[in-house]
Amino acid sequence: MGIQSGRRFLKIVGTVGTVGTVAVAMAACGSSGNSSGGQSGPITIGSFSTYTGPNAALGPEQIAGCYTAALLINRAGGVLGHHVNCLHRRQGRPG
């Protein structure tokens, strides 16, 4: 596997991870225990991205998928009327 194909593979894995996170968040919102529908406010989707080490270049690309998905979901009316926000946390070595 060459360097280019390895990077492409990691990019695909990051994209699939972001899409999976969005899907899980949407499924969790659909199975709310509150039958009265009284919940309000936005839905925040978290993303842990790498910003150091050999995969540092993938961090911005991973969160970009969340922002793109959130934009499209919000344009379509949100998830059960709730807007979606992205929150990213950086992973890396301390210090």
Protein backbone atom coordinates (compact mmCIF):
# COMPACT_ATOMS: atom_id res chain seq x y z
CA MET A 1 0.00 0.00 0.00
CA GLY A 2 1.55 3.31 -1.06
CA ILE A 3 1.46 6.57 0.86
CA GLN A 4 -1.31 8.03 -1.29
CA SER A 5 -3.55 4.97 -1.00
CA GLY A 6 -2.90 4.85 2.76
CA ARG A 7 -3.97 8.48 3.14
CA ARG A 8 -7.05 7.84 1.03
CA PHE A 9 -7.95 4.89 3.24
CA LEU A 10 -7.57 6.99 6.41
CA LYS A 11 -9.67 9.75 4.87
CA ILE A 12 -12.44 7.26 4.07
CA VAL A 13 -12.29 5.83 7.59
CA GLY A 14 -12.58 9.34 9.07
CA THR A 15 -15.57 10.15 6.85
CA VAL A 16 -17.31 6.90 7.73
CA GLY A 17 -16.70 7.62 11.43
CA THR A 18 -18.25 11.08 11.14
CA VAL A 19 -21.29 9.77 9.28
CA GLY A 20 -21.67 7.02 11.88
CA THR A 21 -21.57 9.58 14.69
CA VAL A 22 -24.31 11.61 13.03
CA ALA A 23 -26.42 8.50 12.48
CA VAL A 24 -26.10 7.42 16.13
CA ALA A 25 -27.00 10.91 17.35
CA MET A 26 -30.07 11.00 15.13
CA ALA A 27 -31.17 7.55 16.30
CA ALA A 28 -30.76 8.57 19.93
CA CYS A 29 -32.94 11.62 19.39
CA GLY A 30 -35.65 9.55 17.79
CA SER A 31 -35.94 7.24 20.81
CA SER A 32 -36.57 9.87 23.46
CA GLY A 33 -38.25 8.68 26.64
CA ASN A 34 -40.24 11.92 26.92
CA SER A 35 -43.58 11.21 25.25
CA SER A 36 -44.87 14.76 25.68
CA GLY A 37 -42.30 16.15 23.24
CA GLY A 38 -41.27 18.86 25.70
CA GLN A 39 -37.57 18.78 24.86
CA SER A 40 -36.14 21.89 23.27
CA GLY A 41 -32.82 23.26 22.12
CA PRO A 42 -30.20 22.17 19.63
CA ILE A 43 -28.64 18.73 19.28
CA THR A 44 -24.86 18.77 19.73
CA ILE A 45 -22.79 16.11 17.99
CA GLY A 46 -19.30 15.54 19.36
CA SER A 47 -16.29 14.63 17.27
CA PHE A 48 -12.87 13.64 18.56
CA SER A 49 -10.24 14.44 15.95
CA THR A 50 -6.49 14.00 15.82
CA TYR A 51 -4.41 17.14 15.43
CA THR A 52 -0.97 15.75 16.26
CA GLY A 53 1.20 12.87 15.13
CA PRO A 54 1.12 11.07 11.80
CA ASN A 55 -2.64 11.59 11.36
CA ALA A 56 -2.65 15.32 12.19
CA ALA A 57 -3.75 16.27 8.67
CA LEU A 58 -6.96 14.26 9.10
CA GLY A 59 -8.30 16.27 12.07
CA PRO A 60 -9.73 19.20 10.08
CA GLU A 61 -11.12 16.81 7.45
CA GLN A 62 -12.93 14.75 10.08
CA ILE A 63 -14.74 17.71 11.65
CA ALA A 64 -15.52 19.13 8.21
CA GLY A 65 -17.83 16.17 7.62
CA CYS A 66 -19.78 17.00 10.77
CA TYR A 67 -20.17 20.66 9.79
CA THR A 68 -21.34 19.68 6.31
CA ALA A 69 -23.87 17.18 7.67
CA ALA A 70 -25.14 19.68 10.25
CA LEU A 71 -25.63 22.34 7.56
CA LEU A 72 -27.62 19.97 5.36
CA ILE A 73 -29.69 18.64 8.26
CA ASN A 74 -30.51 22.16 9.47
CA ARG A 75 -31.48 23.30 5.97
CA ALA A 76 -33.92 20.38 5.83
CA GLY A 77 -35.56 21.45 9.10
CA GLY A 78 -33.34 19.73 11.64
CA VAL A 79 -33.95 16.48 13.50
CA LEU A 80 -37.55 16.47 14.66
CA GLY A 81 -37.39 20.26 14.55
CA HIS A 82 -34.12 20.58 16.50
CA HIS A 83 -31.08 22.22 14.92
CA VAL A 84 -27.79 20.32 14.91
CA ASN A 85 -24.45 21.74 16.10
CA CYS A 86 -20.95 20.24 15.93
CA LEU A 87 -18.52 20.25 18.82
CA HIS A 88 -14.98 19.01 18.27
CA ARG A 89 -12.36 18.00 20.76
CA ARG A 90 -8.73 17.62 19.84
CA GLN A 91 -6.90 14.41 20.58
CA GLY A 92 -3.17 14.38 20.90
CA ARG A 93 -0.32 13.94 23.27
CA PRO A 94 -0.43 16.19 26.33
CA GLY A 95 2.23 18.81 26.84
